[in-house]
């Protein structure tokens, strides 16, 4: 992560995401399957994780599986969630 010059905060977030995924699995995350990743995404959605946090988790796991483990085939079905746009409040003059 340092070779790619990721910010220290980003590195911490990615490590936390992989740690939480390993806790969810109950085993080493490098043994995960596509079905495990799908179940984890559904678990996050069912527990009320916001769209932004869900996208952070997907990005962190994508980095782990694509760059660190060189197994990009696991992340093929994990797509980012669309974040709803909120209209700004119009202030009257």
N, C-alpha and C. Protein backbone atom coordinates (compact mmCIF):
# COMPACT_ATOMS: atom_id res chain seq x y z
N UNK A 1 0.83 -1.19 0.00
CA UNK A 1 0.00 0.00 0.00
C UNK A 1 0.87 1.25 0.00
N UNK A 2 2.02 1.14 0.69
CA UNK A 2 2.91 2.29 0.69
C UNK A 2 3.54 2.50 -0.68
N UNK A 3 3.79 1.40 -1.41
CA UNK A 3 4.37 1.53 -2.75
C UNK A 3 3.40 2.24 -3.69
N UNK A 4 2.12 2.06 -3.46
CA UNK A 4 1.11 2.73 -4.27
C UNK A 4 0.78 4.12 -3.73
N UNK A 5 1.46 4.52 -2.67
CA UNK A 5 1.32 5.82 -2.04
C UNK A 5 -0.10 6.12 -1.58
N UNK A 6 -0.72 5.10 -0.98
CA UNK A 6 -2.03 5.33 -0.39
C UNK A 6 -1.85 6.10 0.91
N UNK A 7 -2.78 6.94 1.21
CA UNK A 7 -2.72 7.75 2.43
C UNK A 7 -2.75 6.83 3.65
N UNK A 8 -2.11 7.23 4.75
CA UNK A 8 -2.12 6.40 5.96
C UNK A 8 -3.54 6.06 6.44
N UNK A 9 -4.43 7.01 6.33
CA UNK A 9 -5.83 6.76 6.74
C UNK A 9 -6.47 5.69 5.86
N UNK A 10 -6.20 5.72 4.56
CA UNK A 10 -6.73 4.72 3.63
C UNK A 10 -6.16 3.35 3.98
N UNK A 11 -4.88 3.28 4.30
CA UNK A 11 -4.28 2.01 4.69
C UNK A 11 -4.95 1.45 5.93
N UNK A 12 -5.20 2.30 6.93
CA UNK A 12 -5.87 1.86 8.15
C UNK A 12 -7.27 1.33 7.85
N UNK A 13 -8.00 2.02 6.99
CA UNK A 13 -9.36 1.61 6.65
C UNK A 13 -9.34 0.27 5.92
N UNK A 14 -8.45 0.09 4.96
CA UNK A 14 -8.36 -1.17 4.22
C UNK A 14 -8.02 -2.33 5.16
N UNK A 15 -7.09 -2.11 6.09
CA UNK A 15 -6.74 -3.16 7.04
C UNK A 15 -7.91 -3.50 7.96
N UNK A 16 -8.65 -2.48 8.39
CA UNK A 16 -9.82 -2.71 9.23
C UNK A 16 -10.89 -3.52 8.48
N UNK A 17 -11.07 -3.20 7.20
CA UNK A 17 -12.07 -3.90 6.40
C UNK A 17 -11.71 -5.37 6.25
N UNK A 18 -10.45 -5.67 5.97
CA UNK A 18 -10.03 -7.06 5.83
C UNK A 18 -10.14 -7.79 7.17
N UNK A 19 -9.81 -7.10 8.27
CA UNK A 19 -9.94 -7.70 9.60
C UNK A 19 -11.40 -8.05 9.90
N UNK A 20 -12.32 -7.13 9.58
CA UNK A 20 -13.74 -7.39 9.81
C UNK A 20 -14.25 -8.52 8.93
N UNK A 21 -13.76 -8.60 7.70
CA UNK A 21 -14.16 -9.69 6.81
C UNK A 21 -13.66 -11.03 7.36
N UNK A 22 -12.43 -11.05 7.87
CA UNK A 22 -11.89 -12.28 8.46
C UNK A 22 -12.69 -12.69 9.69
N UNK A 23 -13.10 -11.71 10.48
CA UNK A 23 -13.93 -12.00 11.65
C UNK A 23 -15.28 -12.58 11.22
N UNK A 24 -15.85 -12.03 10.16
CA UNK A 24 -17.12 -12.54 9.63
C UNK A 24 -16.97 -13.99 9.16
N UNK A 25 -15.87 -14.27 8.45
CA UNK A 25 -15.65 -15.62 7.93
C UNK A 25 -15.33 -16.63 9.03
N UNK A 26 -14.59 -16.19 10.01
CA UNK A 26 -14.15 -17.11 11.05
C UNK A 26 -12.92 -17.91 10.63
N UNK A 27 -12.28 -17.49 9.56
CA UNK A 27 -11.06 -18.13 9.08
C UNK A 27 -10.25 -17.09 8.31
N UNK A 28 -9.14 -17.51 7.76
CA UNK A 28 -8.28 -16.59 7.01
C UNK A 28 -9.00 -16.07 5.76
N UNK A 29 -8.91 -14.77 5.49
CA UNK A 29 -9.62 -14.23 4.33
C UNK A 29 -9.07 -14.69 2.99
N UNK A 30 -7.84 -15.22 2.95
CA UNK A 30 -7.31 -15.67 1.67
C UNK A 30 -7.94 -16.98 1.20
N UNK A 31 -8.77 -17.60 2.04
CA UNK A 31 -9.48 -18.82 1.67
C UNK A 31 -10.92 -18.53 1.23
N UNK A 32 -11.26 -17.27 1.09
CA UNK A 32 -12.64 -16.88 0.77
C UNK A 32 -13.02 -17.28 -0.66
N UNK A 33 -14.30 -17.47 -0.84
CA UNK A 33 -14.85 -17.78 -2.16
C UNK A 33 -15.75 -16.63 -2.60
N UNK A 34 -16.23 -16.71 -3.82
CA UNK A 34 -17.15 -15.71 -4.34
C UNK A 34 -18.41 -15.69 -3.49
N UNK A 35 -18.87 -16.87 -3.09
CA UNK A 35 -20.08 -16.96 -2.26
C UNK A 35 -19.86 -16.30 -0.90
N UNK A 36 -18.68 -16.44 -0.31
CA UNK A 36 -18.37 -15.78 0.97
C UNK A 36 -18.44 -14.26 0.82
N UNK A 37 -17.92 -13.74 -0.26
CA UNK A 37 -17.96 -12.29 -0.49
C UNK A 37 -19.39 -11.80 -0.68
N UNK A 38 -20.20 -12.58 -1.39
CA UNK A 38 -21.60 -12.20 -1.58
C UNK A 38 -22.35 -12.21 -0.25
N UNK A 39 -22.09 -13.24 0.57
CA UNK A 39 -22.74 -13.32 1.89
C UNK A 39 -22.32 -12.15 2.77
N UNK A 40 -21.04 -11.74 2.68
CA UNK A 40 -20.56 -10.62 3.49
C UNK A 40 -21.22 -9.31 3.06
N UNK A 41 -21.37 -9.13 1.75
CA UNK A 41 -22.04 -7.92 1.26
C UNK A 41 -23.49 -7.89 1.73
N UNK A 42 -24.18 -9.02 1.67
CA UNK A 42 -25.56 -9.09 2.17
C UNK A 42 -25.61 -8.86 3.68
N UNK A 43 -24.63 -9.38 4.40
CA UNK A 43 -24.55 -9.17 5.85
C UNK A 43 -24.44 -7.68 6.17
N UNK A 44 -23.59 -6.97 5.43
CA UNK A 44 -23.44 -5.54 5.67
C UNK A 44 -24.73 -4.79 5.37
N UNK A 45 -25.39 -5.15 4.27
CA UNK A 45 -26.64 -4.50 3.91
C UNK A 45 -27.71 -4.77 4.97
N UNK A 46 -27.81 -6.01 5.43
CA UNK A 46 -28.81 -6.38 6.43
C UNK A 46 -28.59 -5.70 7.78
N UNK A 47 -27.34 -5.34 8.07
CA UNK A 47 -27.05 -4.67 9.34
C UNK A 47 -27.06 -3.16 9.22
N UNK A 48 -27.62 -2.64 8.13
CA UNK A 48 -27.83 -1.20 8.01
C UNK A 48 -26.61 -0.38 7.66
N UNK A 49 -25.63 -0.99 7.03
CA UNK A 49 -24.45 -0.25 6.63
C UNK A 49 -24.82 0.74 5.53
N UNK A 50 -24.33 1.96 5.62
CA UNK A 50 -24.65 2.97 4.62
C UNK A 50 -24.00 2.62 3.28
N UNK A 51 -24.50 3.24 2.23
CA UNK A 51 -23.97 2.98 0.88
C UNK A 51 -22.50 3.38 0.78
N UNK A 52 -22.14 4.47 1.42
CA UNK A 52 -20.75 4.93 1.37
C UNK A 52 -19.84 3.93 2.08
N UNK A 53 -20.24 3.45 3.26
CA UNK A 53 -19.44 2.47 3.99
C UNK A 53 -19.36 1.15 3.25
N UNK A 54 -20.45 0.78 2.61
CA UNK A 54 -20.46 -0.45 1.81
C UNK A 54 -19.48 -0.33 0.64
N UNK A 55 -19.43 0.83 0.01
CA UNK A 55 -18.48 1.03 -1.08
C UNK A 55 -17.04 1.03 -0.58
N UNK A 56 -16.80 1.54 0.63
CA UNK A 56 -15.46 1.47 1.23
C UNK A 56 -15.07 0.01 1.42
N UNK A 57 -15.99 -0.80 1.92
CA UNK A 57 -15.70 -2.22 2.14
C UNK A 57 -15.39 -2.92 0.83
N UNK A 58 -16.16 -2.64 -0.20
CA UNK A 58 -15.92 -3.27 -1.50
C UNK A 58 -14.56 -2.86 -2.05
N UNK A 59 -14.22 -1.59 -1.92
CA UNK A 59 -12.94 -1.10 -2.42
C UNK A 59 -11.77 -1.73 -1.66
N UNK A 60 -11.88 -1.81 -0.33
CA UNK A 60 -10.83 -2.42 0.47
C UNK A 60 -10.63 -3.89 0.15
N UNK A 61 -11.75 -4.62 0.00
CA UNK A 61 -11.65 -6.03 -0.35
C UNK A 61 -11.13 -6.22 -1.77
N UNK A 62 -11.50 -5.31 -2.64
CA UNK A 62 -11.01 -5.39 -4.03
C UNK A 62 -9.50 -5.22 -4.05
N UNK A 63 -8.98 -4.28 -3.28
CA UNK A 63 -7.53 -4.09 -3.21
C UNK A 63 -6.87 -5.35 -2.66
N UNK A 64 -7.45 -5.91 -1.61
CA UNK A 64 -6.87 -7.11 -0.98
C UNK A 64 -6.82 -8.28 -1.95
N UNK A 65 -7.94 -8.56 -2.61
CA UNK A 65 -7.98 -9.73 -3.48
C UNK A 65 -7.30 -9.50 -4.83
N UNK A 66 -7.37 -8.30 -5.36
CA UNK A 66 -6.79 -8.04 -6.68
C UNK A 66 -5.29 -7.79 -6.61
N UNK A 67 -4.86 -6.94 -5.70
CA UNK A 67 -3.45 -6.54 -5.64
C UNK A 67 -2.64 -7.48 -4.74
N UNK A 68 -3.13 -7.68 -3.51
CA UNK A 68 -2.36 -8.46 -2.55
C UNK A 68 -2.32 -9.94 -2.89
N UNK A 69 -3.48 -10.54 -3.16
CA UNK A 69 -3.55 -11.98 -3.42
C UNK A 69 -3.50 -12.34 -4.90
N UNK A 70 -3.64 -11.37 -5.78
CA UNK A 70 -3.67 -11.60 -7.23
C UNK A 70 -4.76 -12.62 -7.60
N UNK A 71 -5.96 -12.39 -7.06
CA UNK A 71 -7.11 -13.24 -7.37
C UNK A 71 -8.29 -12.35 -7.77
N UNK A 72 -8.18 -11.64 -8.89
CA UNK A 72 -9.24 -10.70 -9.28
C UNK A 72 -10.55 -11.37 -9.64
N UNK A 73 -10.53 -12.67 -9.93
CA UNK A 73 -11.77 -13.36 -10.30
C UNK A 73 -12.79 -13.39 -9.17
N UNK A 74 -12.34 -13.23 -7.94
CA UNK A 74 -13.26 -13.23 -6.80
C UNK A 74 -14.10 -11.96 -6.74
N UNK A 75 -13.58 -10.87 -7.27
CA UNK A 75 -14.26 -9.58 -7.15
C UNK A 75 -15.11 -9.22 -8.36
N UNK A 76 -15.27 -10.14 -9.30
CA UNK A 76 -16.00 -9.85 -10.53
C UNK A 76 -17.45 -9.46 -10.24
N UNK A 77 -18.09 -10.13 -9.29
CA UNK A 77 -19.52 -9.88 -9.03
C UNK A 77 -19.76 -8.81 -7.97
N UNK A 78 -18.72 -8.30 -7.35
CA UNK A 78 -18.87 -7.27 -6.33
C UNK A 78 -18.86 -5.89 -7.00
N UNK A 79 -20.02 -5.30 -7.12
CA UNK A 79 -20.15 -4.00 -7.76
C UNK A 79 -20.44 -2.93 -6.70
N UNK A 80 -19.91 -1.72 -6.89
CA UNK A 80 -20.22 -0.64 -5.95
C UNK A 80 -21.72 -0.33 -5.93
N UNK A 81 -22.17 0.14 -4.81
CA UNK A 81 -23.58 0.49 -4.62
C UNK A 81 -23.77 1.94 -5.02
N UNK A 82 -24.86 2.22 -5.66
CA UNK A 82 -25.14 3.60 -6.07
C UNK A 82 -25.50 4.41 -4.82
N UNK A 83 -24.83 5.53 -4.66
CA UNK A 83 -25.08 6.42 -3.53
C UNK A 83 -26.18 7.40 -3.94
N UNK A 84 -27.27 7.43 -3.19
CA UNK A 84 -28.35 8.36 -3.57
C UNK A 84 -27.90 9.82 -3.43
N UNK A 85 -28.29 10.62 -4.40
CA UNK A 85 -27.95 12.05 -4.37
C UNK A 85 -29.02 12.79 -3.58
N UNK A 86 -28.57 13.69 -2.76
CA UNK A 86 -29.47 14.48 -1.93
C UNK A 86 -29.50 15.90 -2.49
N UNK A 87 -30.71 16.40 -2.73
CA UNK A 87 -30.83 17.76 -3.23
C UNK A 87 -30.49 18.76 -2.14
N UNK A 88 -29.81 19.82 -2.50
CA UNK A 88 -29.44 20.82 -1.49
C UNK A 88 -30.69 21.60 -1.05
N UNK A 89 -30.59 22.13 0.14
CA UNK A 89 -31.66 22.97 0.67
C UNK A 89 -31.53 24.35 0.03
N UNK A 90 -32.60 24.82 -0.56
CA UNK A 90 -32.60 26.13 -1.21
C UNK A 90 -32.99 27.17 -0.16
N UNK A 91 -32.11 28.12 0.03
CA UNK A 91 -32.39 29.18 1.00
C UNK A 91 -33.09 30.35 0.29
N UNK A 92 -34.09 30.89 0.94
CA UNK A 92 -34.78 32.02 0.34
C UNK A 92 -33.95 33.29 0.54
N UNK A 93 -34.12 34.29 -0.36
CA UNK A 93 -33.32 35.52 -0.23
C UNK A 93 -33.81 36.25 0.98
